[in-house]
Amino acid sequence: MNAVRYMVRDVPAAVAFYAGKLGFVLVESYGGAMAIVEGGGIRLWLAEPEASAAKPMPDGRRLEPCGWNRIVVEVADLGATVGALQAAGVTFRNDLLHGPGGAQVLCEDPSR
């Protein structure tokens, strides 16, 4: 299975969000610096600034958690899923949008 390394500021908060609210399953945890969650055919490697993945590049640039990269989680009923997530206290960046590709909404990762 392919994986996406996703930099976050708080791995336990990210695990609580992805596993607790979005239906991912915790696969492995490496202390507070890194965890792997899996769901919907995607594996996320969640890593904090203390993880080896966050070491500066040779030119000094550093990775930034939760930038404009997005993880797409496809669900059968987006309206119902949004309602359930709102009831669970998840914050959204925008309202539900409808466009040529279908409906979408951006939820806020609390570990950013």
Protein backbone atom coordinates (compact mmCIF):
# COMPACT_ATOMS: atom_id res chain seq x y z
CA MET A 1 0.00 0.00 0.00
CA ASN A 2 1.18 3.51 -0.75
CA ALA A 3 1.38 6.07 2.02
CA VAL A 4 1.38 9.83 2.47
CA ARG A 5 3.66 11.40 5.06
CA TYR A 6 1.70 14.24 6.63
CA MET A 7 3.44 16.69 8.93
CA VAL A 8 1.39 17.79 11.96
CA ARG A 9 2.15 19.75 15.12
CA ASP A 10 0.51 17.26 17.50
CA VAL A 11 0.46 13.54 16.65
CA PRO A 12 -1.93 12.46 19.46
CA ALA A 13 -4.41 15.16 18.37
CA ALA A 14 -4.06 14.06 14.74
CA VAL A 15 -4.64 10.40 15.67
CA ALA A 16 -7.71 11.39 17.70
CA PHE A 17 -9.04 13.30 14.69
CA TYR A 18 -8.32 10.81 11.91
CA ALA A 19 -9.06 7.64 13.92
CA GLY A 20 -11.69 9.07 16.24
CA LYS A 21 -13.67 11.24 13.85
CA LEU A 22 -12.86 10.22 10.26
CA GLY A 23 -12.90 6.45 10.70
CA PHE A 24 -9.21 5.70 10.19
CA VAL A 25 -7.60 2.92 12.24
CA LEU A 26 -4.39 3.37 14.23
CA VAL A 27 -1.84 0.93 12.75
CA GLU A 28 1.30 1.89 14.67
CA SER A 29 2.42 4.54 17.12
CA TYR A 30 5.98 5.64 17.81
CA GLY A 31 5.67 7.67 20.98
CA GLY A 32 4.37 11.17 20.41
CA ALA A 33 6.49 11.92 17.35
CA MET A 34 4.92 9.65 14.73
CA ALA A 35 1.92 7.41 14.11
CA ILE A 36 0.48 5.54 11.16
CA VAL A 37 -3.26 5.50 10.51
CA GLU A 38 -5.11 3.79 7.69
CA GLY A 39 -8.55 4.15 6.20
CA GLY A 40 -10.39 4.31 2.91
CA GLY A 41 -7.46 2.83 1.03
CA ILE A 42 -4.94 5.39 2.27
CA ARG A 43 -2.21 5.13 4.85
CA LEU A 44 -1.10 8.34 6.58
CA TRP A 45 2.24 8.65 8.31
CA LEU A 46 1.58 11.44 10.81
CA ALA A 47 4.83 13.06 11.94
CA GLU A 48 5.58 15.90 14.37
CA PRO A 49 8.44 18.40 14.08
CA GLU A 50 10.53 16.10 16.36
CA ALA A 51 10.27 13.19 13.90
CA SER A 52 13.21 12.35 11.65
CA ALA A 53 11.06 13.32 8.65
CA ALA A 54 11.09 16.92 9.84
CA LYS A 55 14.85 17.38 9.79
CA PRO A 56 15.90 20.41 7.73
CA MET A 57 16.84 19.86 4.10
CA PRO A 58 20.50 20.41 3.14
CA ASP A 59 19.66 23.96 2.05
CA GLY A 60 18.13 24.71 5.48
CA ARG A 61 14.45 24.64 4.49
CA ARG A 62 12.10 23.06 7.04
CA LEU A 63 8.83 21.26 6.47
CA GLU A 64 5.72 23.03 7.71
CA PRO A 65 2.78 21.11 9.21
CA CYS A 66 -0.67 21.20 7.60
CA GLY A 67 -0.04 23.55 4.71
CA TRP A 68 -2.23 23.71 1.62
CA ASN A 69 -1.88 20.01 0.90
CA ARG A 70 -5.17 18.21 1.25
CA ILE A 71 -6.15 14.64 1.91
CA VAL A 72 -9.34 13.60 0.14
CA VAL A 73 -11.62 11.27 2.07
CA GLU A 74 -14.48 10.03 -0.10
CA VAL A 75 -17.74 9.22 1.69
CA ALA A 76 -21.08 7.85 0.51
CA ASP A 77 -23.20 10.70 1.94
CA LEU A 78 -21.24 13.93 2.37
CA GLY A 79 -24.14 15.87 3.91
CA ALA A 80 -24.69 13.24 6.60
CA THR A 81 -20.95 12.98 7.25
CA VAL A 82 -20.63 16.76 7.64
CA GLY A 83 -23.56 16.77 10.07
CA ALA A 84 -22.01 13.99 12.15
CA LEU A 85 -18.62 15.70 12.19
CA GLN A 86 -20.16 19.04 13.17
CA ALA A 87 -22.02 17.30 16.00
CA ALA A 88 -18.66 15.85 17.11
CA GLY A 89 -17.13 19.34 17.25
CA VAL A 90 -15.12 19.30 14.00
CA THR A 91 -14.46 22.78 12.58
CA PHE A 92 -14.86 23.42 8.85
CA ARG A 93 -12.95 25.97 6.75
CA ASN A 94 -15.89 26.56 4.40
CA ASP A 95 -19.49 25.60 3.66
CA LEU A 96 -20.38 22.62 1.51
CA LEU A 97 -19.55 23.51 -2.11
CA HIS A 98 -21.07 21.98 -5.24
CA GLY A 99 -19.17 22.06 -8.51
CA PRO A 100 -18.53 20.10 -11.69
CA GLY A 101 -16.60 17.42 -9.78
CA GLY A 102 -19.27 16.97 -7.12
CA ALA A 103 -19.58 18.26 -3.58
CA GLN A 104 -16.74 19.09 -1.22
CA VAL A 105 -15.94 20.73 2.08
CA LEU A 106 -12.71 21.33 3.99
CA CYS A 107 -12.51 20.32 7.63
CA GLU A 108 -9.88 21.73 9.93
CA ASP A 109 -7.19 19.34 11.16
CA PRO A 110 -6.96 20.15 14.90
CA SER A 111 -3.31 19.11 15.03
CA ARG A 112 -2.16 21.95 12.78
